[in-house]
Structure formats: C-alpha cells, structure tokens
Amino acid sequence: MTSSTDMRIEIVMGGAPGTTDAVLAEAGHEVPSGSYAVTFAPGKPGHVVGCTCCTPRGPVADALSAMFRARATGKAPYFKRVVVLASPEGETVVRDAVANDVMSAARYRL
C-alpha cells in the first residue's frame, strides 16, 4: 500500500501514456508521438566497470536517472507517471532496477 505522503513517481507497465506521463521504452518499441520518452537496451552496460564517478548501475537505472534529471531541470515536461513500453523481459529489468538500485527506488515506485 502506498502512503499519501509518498512523493515518488509512479511507474506502470504498459498502456497508453496520458498527457502528464513520460515513457520509458525498451529499444525497438514504438513511442507515441508527442510523448517525452527515454529508451533503454537491456544488457547494455551503463558506465564502464571501474568508473570513478559511480558503480555500474545498468541501462534502466541510467535511463530513470536521466528522466528524473531532465524533469528536475526543466529539460523535460513535468511528468507525474512513467509508462513502460517493453517486452516481459524488459519489464523484469525495470522492476529489478527499481527494487535494487538505491537512487531509482528513492525516486520511483511500482
């Protein structure tokens, strides 16, 4: 159950994005025109291993961070929800990122 004070951004799997939604799309999935969208490719590494700025977080965590940063700086429209367009395997990767990446879990909820 989600508390009314939970200010994290909701992530939903599938469906049509509304006017206040952003889209997180797995590579190869069509993004509705006019939607703010970021794509990810499962299995494609983010930063290289041993990078001094951070630990490897994965493509979904990197994409969610980019979305949050763009929203915070005004480079993306203000969105209240993220609609995921992905295969079942891609949806699993998104769920894993939100469950296991500290920054993603702090900013987003399923």
Protein backbone atom coordinates (compact mmCIF):
# COMPACT_ATOMS: atom_id res chain seq x y z
CA MET A 1 0.00 0.00 0.00
CA THR A 2 1.28 3.45 -0.89
CA SER A 3 1.18 6.23 1.67
CA SER A 4 -0.42 9.54 0.70
CA THR A 5 2.91 11.16 1.56
CA ASP A 6 4.85 9.01 -0.91
CA MET A 7 6.12 11.57 -3.40
CA ARG A 8 7.96 9.11 -5.65
CA ILE A 9 6.98 8.96 -9.32
CA GLU A 10 4.74 6.03 -10.19
CA ILE A 11 5.87 3.51 -12.81
CA VAL A 12 3.24 1.47 -14.65
CA MET A 13 3.80 -1.36 -17.10
CA GLY A 14 2.14 -0.89 -20.47
CA GLY A 15 -0.84 1.10 -21.58
CA ALA A 16 -1.23 4.38 -23.36
CA PRO A 17 0.57 7.36 -21.83
CA GLY A 18 -1.54 10.32 -20.77
CA THR A 19 -0.69 13.98 -21.13
CA THR A 20 1.24 14.10 -17.84
CA ASP A 21 3.12 10.81 -18.41
CA ALA A 22 6.65 10.11 -19.56
CA VAL A 23 7.57 6.95 -21.45
CA LEU A 24 10.39 4.53 -20.69
CA ALA A 25 10.68 2.37 -23.80
CA GLU A 26 12.77 -0.69 -24.47
CA ALA A 27 14.77 -0.34 -27.69
CA GLY A 28 12.61 -1.42 -30.62
CA HIS A 29 9.27 -0.39 -29.10
CA GLU A 30 7.34 2.38 -30.80
CA VAL A 31 6.90 5.54 -28.74
CA PRO A 32 3.67 7.54 -29.20
CA SER A 33 4.35 10.84 -30.96
CA GLY A 34 4.41 13.87 -28.72
CA SER A 35 5.47 11.87 -25.65
CA TYR A 36 8.58 12.62 -23.64
CA ALA A 37 10.46 9.32 -23.86
CA VAL A 38 13.77 7.74 -22.92
CA THR A 39 14.82 4.35 -24.30
CA PHE A 40 16.89 1.58 -22.77
CA ALA A 41 18.52 -1.58 -24.10
CA PRO A 42 18.58 -4.45 -21.61
CA GLY A 43 22.01 -5.96 -21.21
CA LYS A 44 23.79 -2.88 -22.50
CA PRO A 45 26.12 -1.61 -19.76
CA GLY A 46 25.99 1.94 -18.49
CA HIS A 47 29.28 3.31 -17.21
CA VAL A 48 32.26 1.04 -17.59
CA VAL A 49 33.30 -1.13 -14.68
CA GLY A 50 35.79 0.72 -12.55
CA CYS A 51 34.48 4.16 -13.47
CA THR A 52 35.49 6.54 -10.68
CA CYS A 53 32.26 8.53 -10.73
CA CYS A 54 29.93 5.67 -9.80
CA THR A 55 29.37 1.96 -9.78
CA PRO A 56 27.75 0.27 -12.78
CA ARG A 57 24.00 0.75 -12.41
CA GLY A 58 22.58 -0.68 -15.59
CA PRO A 59 20.69 0.76 -18.54
CA VAL A 60 17.31 1.16 -16.81
CA ALA A 61 18.75 2.88 -13.74
CA ASP A 62 20.71 5.19 -16.05
CA ALA A 63 17.56 5.92 -18.10
CA LEU A 64 15.46 6.61 -14.99
CA SER A 65 18.17 8.94 -13.66
CA ALA A 66 18.26 10.82 -16.96
CA MET A 67 14.46 11.17 -16.89
CA PHE A 68 14.48 12.47 -13.32
CA ARG A 69 17.31 14.92 -14.04
CA ALA A 70 15.55 16.24 -17.17
CA ARG A 71 12.31 16.69 -15.20
CA ALA A 72 14.12 18.49 -12.36
CA THR A 73 16.00 20.87 -14.67
CA GLY A 74 13.03 21.64 -16.92
CA LYS A 75 14.52 19.95 -19.99
CA ALA A 76 11.55 17.56 -19.98
CA PRO A 77 7.93 18.36 -19.28
CA TYR A 78 6.82 17.78 -15.69
CA PHE A 79 5.53 14.22 -15.56
CA LYS A 80 3.62 12.50 -12.78
CA ARG A 81 3.96 8.93 -14.02
CA VAL A 82 6.21 6.78 -16.20
CA VAL A 83 4.63 4.31 -18.61
CA VAL A 84 6.94 1.42 -19.53
CA LEU A 85 6.70 0.01 -23.06
CA ALA A 86 8.73 -3.17 -23.03
CA SER A 87 8.76 -6.90 -23.54
CA PRO A 88 8.10 -9.10 -20.50
CA GLU A 89 11.88 -9.44 -20.10
CA GLY A 90 12.29 -5.66 -20.32
CA GLU A 91 9.59 -5.16 -17.69
CA THR A 92 11.51 -7.52 -15.39
CA VAL A 93 14.65 -5.44 -15.88
CA VAL A 94 12.69 -2.30 -14.93
CA ARG A 95 11.25 -3.97 -11.81
CA ASP A 96 14.73 -5.15 -10.81
CA ALA A 97 16.19 -1.67 -11.24
CA VAL A 98 13.52 -0.08 -9.05
CA ALA A 99 13.92 -2.81 -6.42
CA ASN A 100 17.72 -2.95 -6.37
CA ASP A 101 19.06 0.49 -7.37
CA VAL A 102 19.00 2.86 -4.41
CA MET A 103 18.57 6.04 -6.47
CA SER A 104 15.80 4.57 -8.62
CA ALA A 105 13.96 3.28 -5.54
CA ALA A 106 14.22 6.70 -3.91
CA ARG A 107 12.69 8.46 -6.91
CA TYR A 108 10.25 5.92 -8.38
CA ARG A 109 7.70 3.35 -7.19
CA LEU A 110 5.91 0.48 -8.88
